[in-house]
Structure formats: structure tokens, C-alpha cells
Amino acid sequence: MRQRLKKHLPPEPAKSLWNELAPEVFAESHDPILTAMRGAMVIVRLNDIDAHDELMGYEILAGRLIRANREEGFVLQMAGTKAGETLNLPLVPGAFKLIPPGRYGLSDDTIVTDPDFQVAFDIYRPNN
């Protein structure tokens, strides 16, 4: 009897890097916005937030969007001193804002010219 019940259970959902507190803001893989954004240069600000909601620091990075899917999120090929590395960001297209052309400085003193988008995410740290 147990064998038969196991066969009727739905498959486990794919593992995701993200804790989807508001799943409706996450894009689906067939979203045309994801295709249009491929290849875009993105300036990323990662805010480090402590358990008391205080800003502890931040890092400004940049990378070119190489792929986007529900399991990995937005995957950026990093620029500057992190070139050769990738960065995964939540698959939330609404967080990305168009940015005016210009020269933008990163935390590692690299200058990025005429990026396409900017985005910021908060990283919450637990109490230690």
C-alpha cells in the first residue's frame, strides 16, 4: 500500500536560492522581460543589515546579466576585481531601475561606463 501512495505524491518543487516571502514578485522563466535584460550591465548595491535593522555597510558591484531562471535568479558575470566570478540575485525584475549613462564607481575603485540598470538588495544578518 505504501508503494502505491508514494507514486501518487506530487514531485518535490525545485530547490531555489531564495526564500520567497512574496512569491508574486518573482518572475517566471518565460517572462519576456528576462529575455530583454540578457546582456545588460547592472550596478548592484548590497546593503549589509544587522538584526536591529541598522545598516552596517554596503558594497557596490557590477556585472553583466548572463542568464535568469527561477532556480538561480539573475546570474551576473562580475566586472572589476571580481571578474570571472558570478553573482546570483533574486529574480525580481521590478527591483531593477534604468540608470542614466555615465561613469559609475564600484567599491573596488573600478569605473563602469554606461551601465543599463541599477538594483539594490538588503542582506539581513542574524544576531551573533
N, C-alpha and C. Protein backbone atom coordinates (compact mmCIF):
# COMPACT_ATOMS: atom_id res chain seq x y z
N MET A 1 0.81 -1.19 0.00
CA MET A 1 0.00 0.00 0.00
C MET A 1 0.86 1.26 0.00
N ARG A 2 1.93 1.29 0.76
CA ARG A 2 2.78 2.48 0.82
C ARG A 2 3.43 2.77 -0.52
N GLN A 3 3.83 1.75 -1.23
CA GLN A 3 4.43 1.94 -2.55
C GLN A 3 3.46 2.68 -3.46
N ARG A 4 2.23 2.29 -3.46
CA ARG A 4 1.22 2.88 -4.34
C ARG A 4 0.99 4.35 -3.96
N LEU A 5 0.95 4.69 -2.67
CA LEU A 5 0.74 6.07 -2.23
C LEU A 5 1.90 6.97 -2.66
N LYS A 6 3.10 6.48 -2.57
CA LYS A 6 4.26 7.28 -2.96
C LYS A 6 4.22 7.65 -4.43
N LYS A 7 3.71 6.77 -5.26
CA LYS A 7 3.65 7.06 -6.69
C LYS A 7 2.70 8.19 -7.00
N HIS A 8 1.71 8.44 -6.15
CA HIS A 8 0.71 9.47 -6.41
C HIS A 8 1.06 10.82 -5.80
N LEU A 9 2.14 10.90 -5.06
CA LEU A 9 2.54 12.17 -4.48
C LEU A 9 3.11 13.07 -5.57
N PRO A 10 2.84 14.38 -5.50
CA PRO A 10 3.41 15.30 -6.50
C PRO A 10 4.93 15.38 -6.33
N PRO A 11 5.64 15.69 -7.40
CA PRO A 11 7.09 15.80 -7.29
C PRO A 11 7.46 16.97 -6.39
N GLU A 12 8.61 16.87 -5.75
CA GLU A 12 9.08 17.96 -4.89
C GLU A 12 9.39 19.17 -5.75
N PRO A 13 9.09 20.38 -5.25
CA PRO A 13 9.41 21.58 -6.03
C PRO A 13 10.92 21.74 -6.18
N ALA A 14 11.32 22.41 -7.25
CA ALA A 14 12.75 22.65 -7.49
C ALA A 14 13.32 23.49 -6.36
N LYS A 15 14.55 23.20 -6.00
CA LYS A 15 15.22 23.97 -4.96
C LYS A 15 15.50 25.37 -5.49
N SER A 16 15.31 26.37 -4.66
CA SER A 16 15.55 27.75 -5.03
C SER A 16 16.54 28.35 -4.04
N LEU A 17 17.31 29.32 -4.51
CA LEU A 17 18.24 30.03 -3.64
C LEU A 17 17.51 31.03 -2.74
N TRP A 18 16.24 31.31 -3.06
CA TRP A 18 15.56 32.43 -2.43
C TRP A 18 14.40 31.99 -1.56
N ASN A 19 14.26 32.64 -0.43
CA ASN A 19 13.13 32.47 0.45
C ASN A 19 12.05 33.42 -0.07
N GLU A 20 11.08 32.90 -0.78
CA GLU A 20 10.09 33.73 -1.45
C GLU A 20 9.00 34.16 -0.48
N LEU A 21 9.24 35.25 0.22
CA LEU A 21 8.24 35.76 1.15
C LEU A 21 7.06 36.35 0.39
N ALA A 22 7.30 36.86 -0.80
CA ALA A 22 6.25 37.41 -1.65
C ALA A 22 6.41 36.80 -3.04
N PRO A 23 5.98 35.55 -3.23
CA PRO A 23 6.25 34.85 -4.49
C PRO A 23 5.70 35.56 -5.72
N GLU A 24 4.68 36.40 -5.56
CA GLU A 24 4.12 37.08 -6.72
C GLU A 24 5.07 38.09 -7.36
N VAL A 25 6.13 38.52 -6.66
CA VAL A 25 7.07 39.47 -7.26
C VAL A 25 8.16 38.76 -8.06
N PHE A 26 8.26 37.44 -7.93
CA PHE A 26 9.28 36.70 -8.65
C PHE A 26 8.79 36.39 -10.06
N ALA A 27 9.66 36.58 -11.04
CA ALA A 27 9.29 36.35 -12.44
C ALA A 27 9.28 34.86 -12.75
N GLU A 28 8.55 34.52 -13.78
CA GLU A 28 8.58 33.16 -14.32
C GLU A 28 9.64 33.12 -15.42
N SER A 29 10.16 31.94 -15.71
CA SER A 29 11.27 31.82 -16.67
C SER A 29 10.90 32.26 -18.07
N HIS A 30 9.63 32.23 -18.44
CA HIS A 30 9.22 32.63 -19.78
C HIS A 30 8.90 34.12 -19.89
N ASP A 31 9.09 34.88 -18.82
CA ASP A 31 8.81 36.31 -18.82
C ASP A 31 9.65 37.01 -19.88
N PRO A 32 9.04 37.76 -20.82
CA PRO A 32 9.81 38.42 -21.89
C PRO A 32 10.80 39.45 -21.36
N ILE A 33 10.55 40.00 -20.18
CA ILE A 33 11.49 40.96 -19.60
C ILE A 33 12.84 40.30 -19.35
N LEU A 34 12.83 39.03 -18.93
CA LEU A 34 14.09 38.34 -18.66
C LEU A 34 14.92 38.21 -19.93
N THR A 35 14.28 37.90 -21.04
CA THR A 35 14.98 37.79 -22.32
C THR A 35 15.55 39.15 -22.73
N ALA A 36 14.76 40.20 -22.57
CA ALA A 36 15.20 41.54 -22.96
C ALA A 36 16.37 42.03 -22.12
N MET A 37 16.46 41.59 -20.88
CA MET A 37 17.53 42.06 -19.98
C MET A 37 18.85 41.32 -20.18
N ARG A 38 18.83 40.19 -20.85
CA ARG A 38 20.06 39.40 -21.03
C ARG A 38 21.14 40.27 -21.69
N GLY A 39 22.33 40.25 -21.14
CA GLY A 39 23.44 41.02 -21.68
C GLY A 39 23.58 42.41 -21.07
N ALA A 40 22.60 42.82 -20.27
CA ALA A 40 22.63 44.16 -19.66
C ALA A 40 23.72 44.24 -18.60
N MET A 41 24.34 45.43 -18.50
CA MET A 41 25.30 45.70 -17.42
C MET A 41 24.51 46.30 -16.26
N VAL A 42 24.73 45.74 -15.06
CA VAL A 42 23.95 46.11 -13.88
C VAL A 42 24.89 46.57 -12.76
N ILE A 43 24.58 47.72 -12.17
CA ILE A 43 25.25 48.18 -10.95
C ILE A 43 24.43 47.65 -9.78
N VAL A 44 25.09 46.98 -8.83
CA VAL A 44 24.42 46.33 -7.71
C VAL A 44 24.92 46.92 -6.40
N ARG A 45 23.98 47.35 -5.56
CA ARG A 45 24.34 47.77 -4.20
C ARG A 45 23.79 46.72 -3.25
N LEU A 46 24.68 46.09 -2.48
CA LEU A 46 24.29 45.10 -1.47
C LEU A 46 24.45 45.74 -0.10
N ASN A 47 23.33 45.96 0.58
CA ASN A 47 23.33 46.57 1.91
C ASN A 47 23.41 45.49 2.97
N ASP A 48 24.34 45.62 3.90
CA ASP A 48 24.52 44.67 4.99
C ASP A 48 23.73 45.20 6.19
N ILE A 49 22.67 44.51 6.59
CA ILE A 49 21.76 44.96 7.64
C ILE A 49 21.86 44.02 8.84
N ASP A 50 21.99 44.60 10.05
CA ASP A 50 22.10 43.75 11.24
C ASP A 50 20.72 43.36 11.76
N ALA A 51 20.70 42.61 12.85
CA ALA A 51 19.45 42.09 13.41
C ALA A 51 18.55 43.20 13.95
N HIS A 52 19.08 44.41 14.12
CA HIS A 52 18.30 45.55 14.61
C HIS A 52 17.91 46.49 13.48
N ASP A 53 17.98 46.01 12.24
CA ASP A 53 17.65 46.79 11.03
C ASP A 53 18.55 48.01 10.84
N GLU A 54 19.77 47.94 11.33
CA GLU A 54 20.74 49.02 11.14
C GLU A 54 21.67 48.67 9.98
N LEU A 55 21.97 49.67 9.16
CA LEU A 55 22.91 49.49 8.06
C LEU A 55 24.32 49.38 8.62
N MET A 56 24.96 48.22 8.40
CA MET A 56 26.32 48.00 8.89
C MET A 56 27.35 48.41 7.83
N GLY A 57 26.96 48.38 6.58
CA GLY A 57 27.85 48.71 5.47
C GLY A 57 27.20 48.32 4.16
N TYR A 58 27.90 48.57 3.09
CA TYR A 58 27.39 48.19 1.78
C TYR A 58 28.55 47.98 0.82
N GLU A 59 28.24 47.30 -0.28
CA GLU A 59 29.22 47.06 -1.33
C GLU A 59 28.54 47.38 -2.66
N ILE A 60 29.26 48.07 -3.54
CA ILE A 60 28.75 48.38 -4.86
C ILE A 60 29.55 47.56 -5.87
N LEU A 61 28.84 46.74 -6.63
CA LEU A 61 29.42 45.81 -7.59
C LEU A 61 28.80 46.06 -8.96
N ALA A 62 29.33 45.41 -9.96
CA ALA A 62 28.72 45.46 -11.29
C ALA A 62 28.94 44.12 -11.98
N GLY A 63 28.01 43.81 -12.88
CA GLY A 63 28.13 42.58 -13.65
C GLY A 63 27.18 42.58 -14.83
N ARG A 64 27.48 41.72 -15.78
CA ARG A 64 26.65 41.57 -16.98
C ARG A 64 25.72 40.38 -16.76
N LEU A 65 24.43 40.59 -17.04
CA LEU A 65 23.43 39.55 -16.86
C LEU A 65 23.62 38.47 -17.92
N ILE A 66 23.97 37.25 -17.48
CA ILE A 66 24.24 36.17 -18.43
C ILE A 66 23.09 35.17 -18.52
N ARG A 67 22.28 35.05 -17.46
CA ARG A 67 21.10 34.19 -17.53
C ARG A 67 20.17 34.54 -16.36
N ALA A 68 18.93 34.08 -16.50
CA ALA A 68 17.95 34.29 -15.45
C ALA A 68 16.99 33.12 -15.46
N ASN A 69 16.78 32.53 -14.29
CA ASN A 69 15.81 31.45 -14.16
C ASN A 69 15.36 31.38 -12.71
N ARG A 70 14.28 30.68 -12.50
CA ARG A 70 13.66 30.65 -11.16
C ARG A 70 14.57 29.99 -10.11
N GLU A 71 15.37 29.02 -10.51
CA GLU A 71 16.22 28.31 -9.55
C GLU A 71 17.43 29.15 -9.12
N GLU A 72 18.06 29.83 -10.07
CA GLU A 72 19.28 30.60 -9.77
C GLU A 72 19.03 32.09 -9.59
N GLY A 73 17.91 32.58 -10.05
CA GLY A 73 17.66 34.01 -10.03
C GLY A 73 18.36 34.67 -11.21
N PHE A 74 18.70 35.95 -11.06
CA PHE A 74 19.51 36.64 -12.05
C PHE A 74 20.96 36.26 -11.80
N VAL A 75 21.66 35.82 -12.83
CA VAL A 75 23.07 35.44 -12.68
C VAL A 75 23.90 36.48 -13.43
N LEU A 76 24.78 37.17 -12.70
CA LEU A 76 25.64 38.18 -13.28
C LEU A 76 27.07 37.67 -13.37
N GLN A 77 27.72 37.94 -14.50
CA GLN A 77 29.17 37.71 -14.65
C GLN A 77 29.81 39.00 -14.18
N MET A 78 30.58 38.93 -13.10
CA MET A 78 31.06 40.11 -12.42
C MET A 78 32.12 40.86 -13.21
N ALA A 79 32.20 42.17 -12.94
CA ALA A 79 33.21 43.06 -13.52
C ALA A 79 34.15 43.51 -12.40
N GLY A 80 35.23 44.19 -12.78
CA GLY A 80 36.17 44.71 -11.79
C GLY A 80 37.05 43.62 -11.22
N THR A 81 37.42 43.76 -9.96
CA THR A 81 38.31 42.79 -9.34
C THR A 81 37.65 41.43 -9.13
N LYS A 82 36.33 41.37 -9.26
CA LYS A 82 35.61 40.09 -9.12
C LYS A 82 35.35 39.45 -10.48
N ALA A 83 35.98 39.95 -11.53
CA ALA A 83 35.81 39.37 -12.88
C ALA A 83 36.12 37.88 -12.83
N GLY A 84 35.32 37.10 -13.53
CA GLY A 84 35.47 35.64 -13.51
C GLY A 84 34.54 34.98 -12.50
N GLU A 85 33.99 35.75 -11.57
CA GLU A 85 33.03 35.23 -10.60
C GLU A 85 31.62 35.52 -11.09
N THR A 86 30.66 34.81 -10.49
CA THR A 86 29.26 35.11 -10.77
C THR A 86 28.57 35.53 -9.48
N LEU A 87 27.46 36.24 -9.63
CA LEU A 87 26.66 36.68 -8.50
C LEU A 87 25.21 36.35 -8.82
N ASN A 88 24.52 35.72 -7.88
CA ASN A 88 23.11 35.39 -8.04
C ASN A 88 22.28 36.40 -7.26
N LEU A 89 21.29 36.97 -7.94
CA LEU A 89 20.37 37.92 -7.33
C LEU A 89 18.95 37.38 -7.45
N PRO A 90 18.05 37.79 -6.55
CA PRO A 90 16.66 37.34 -6.66
C PRO A 90 16.04 37.71 -8.00
N LEU A 91 15.17 36.87 -8.49
CA LEU A 91 14.53 37.05 -9.79
C LEU A 91 13.34 38.00 -9.65
N VAL A 92 13.66 39.27 -9.39
CA VAL A 92 12.66 40.30 -9.18
C VAL A 92 12.93 41.44 -10.17
N PRO A 93 12.40 41.34 -11.39
CA PRO A 93 12.67 42.37 -12.40
C PRO A 93 12.26 43.77 -11.96
N GLY A 94 11.22 43.88 -11.14
CA GLY A 94 10.75 45.19 -10.69
C GLY A 94 11.75 45.93 -9.84
N ALA A 95 12.76 45.24 -9.29
CA ALA A 95 13.78 45.89 -8.47
C ALA A 95 14.82 46.61 -9.32
N PHE A 96 14.89 46.28 -10.61
CA PHE A 96 15.89 46.86 -11.50
C PHE A 96 15.36 48.17 -12.07
N LYS A 97 16.16 49.22 -11.95
CA LYS A 97 15.79 50.54 -12.45
C LYS A 97 16.78 50.96 -13.53
N LEU A 98 16.25 51.56 -14.60
CA LEU A 98 17.13 52.10 -15.64
C LEU A 98 18.01 53.18 -15.02
N ILE A 99 19.23 53.29 -15.49
CA ILE A 99 20.19 54.22 -14.93
C ILE A 99 20.71 55.13 -16.06
N PRO A 100 20.88 56.42 -15.78
CA PRO A 100 21.37 57.32 -16.83
C PRO A 100 22.79 56.95 -17.26
N PRO A 101 23.13 57.21 -18.52
CA PRO A 101 24.51 56.96 -18.97
C PRO A 101 25.49 57.76 -18.12
N GLY A 102 26.68 57.23 -17.98
CA GLY A 102 27.71 57.93 -17.22
C GLY A 102 28.75 56.96 -16.72
N ARG A 103 29.60 57.48 -15.85
CA ARG A 103 30.67 56.69 -15.24
C ARG A 103 30.31 56.46 -13.78
N TYR A 104 30.36 55.18 -13.36
CA TYR A 104 29.96 54.81 -12.01
C TYR A 104 31.10 54.06 -11.34
N GLY A 105 31.41 54.47 -10.10
CA GLY A 105 32.48 53.83 -9.34
C GLY A 105 31.97 52.68 -8.49
N LEU A 106 32.74 51.60 -8.47
CA LEU A 106 32.42 50.44 -7.64
C LEU A 106 33.23 50.50 -6.36
N SER A 107 32.91 49.65 -5.42
CA SER A 107 33.63 49.61 -4.14
C SER A 107 35.10 49.30 -4.31
N ASP A 108 35.47 48.59 -5.40
CA ASP A 108 36.88 48.23 -5.62
C ASP A 108 37.60 49.28 -6.47
N ASP A 109 37.00 50.46 -6.64
CA ASP A 109 37.55 51.58 -7.41
C ASP A 109 37.52 51.37 -8.92
N THR A 110 36.90 50.30 -9.40
CA THR A 110 36.70 50.11 -10.83
C THR A 110 35.65 51.11 -11.30
N ILE A 111 35.81 51.64 -12.50
CA ILE A 111 34.83 52.54 -13.10
C ILE A 111 34.07 51.77 -14.18
N VAL A 112 32.75 51.81 -14.13
CA VAL A 112 31.90 51.18 -15.14
C VAL A 112 31.24 52.31 -15.93
N THR A 113 31.34 52.23 -17.25
CA THR A 113 30.78 53.26 -18.12
C THR A 113 29.46 52.81 -18.74
N ASP A 114 28.47 53.65 -18.63
CA ASP A 114 27.15 53.47 -19.25
C ASP A 114 26.49 52.12 -18.95
N PRO A 115 26.31 51.78 -17.66
CA PRO A 115 25.56 50.57 -17.35
C PRO A 115 24.09 50.75 -17.72
N ASP A 116 23.34 49.66 -17.78
CA ASP A 116 21.94 49.70 -18.18
C ASP A 116 20.98 49.86 -17.00
N PHE A 117 21.27 49.15 -15.90
CA PHE A 117 20.36 49.14 -14.76
C PHE A 117 21.13 49.30 -13.45
N GLN A 118 20.37 49.69 -12.42
CA GLN A 118 20.87 49.64 -11.05
C GLN A 118 19.86 48.88 -10.22
N VAL A 119 20.35 48.23 -9.17
CA VAL A 119 19.50 47.46 -8.28
C VAL A 119 20.14 47.45 -6.90
N ALA A 120 19.31 47.37 -5.87
CA ALA A 120 19.84 47.28 -4.50
C ALA A 120 19.06 46.19 -3.75
N PHE A 121 19.80 45.42 -2.97
CA PHE A 121 19.18 44.39 -2.13
C PHE A 121 19.78 44.47 -0.73
N ASP A 122 18.96 44.19 0.28
CA ASP A 122 19.40 44.15 1.67
C ASP A 122 19.73 42.71 2.03
N ILE A 123 20.86 42.54 2.72
CA ILE A 123 21.26 41.23 3.24
C ILE A 123 21.16 41.33 4.75
N TYR A 124 20.22 40.59 5.33
CA TYR A 124 20.00 40.63 6.77
C TYR A 124 20.87 39.60 7.47
N ARG A 125 21.57 40.05 8.51
CA ARG A 125 22.46 39.18 9.29
C ARG A 125 21.77 38.84 10.62
N PRO A 126 21.81 37.58 11.02
CA PRO A 126 21.21 37.21 12.30
C PRO A 126 22.03 37.75 13.46
N ASN A 127 21.41 37.76 14.63
CA ASN A 127 22.13 38.14 15.84
C ASN A 127 23.24 37.15 16.13
N ASN A 128 24.40 37.62 16.48
CA ASN A 128 25.52 36.72 16.82
C ASN A 128 25.83 36.78 18.27
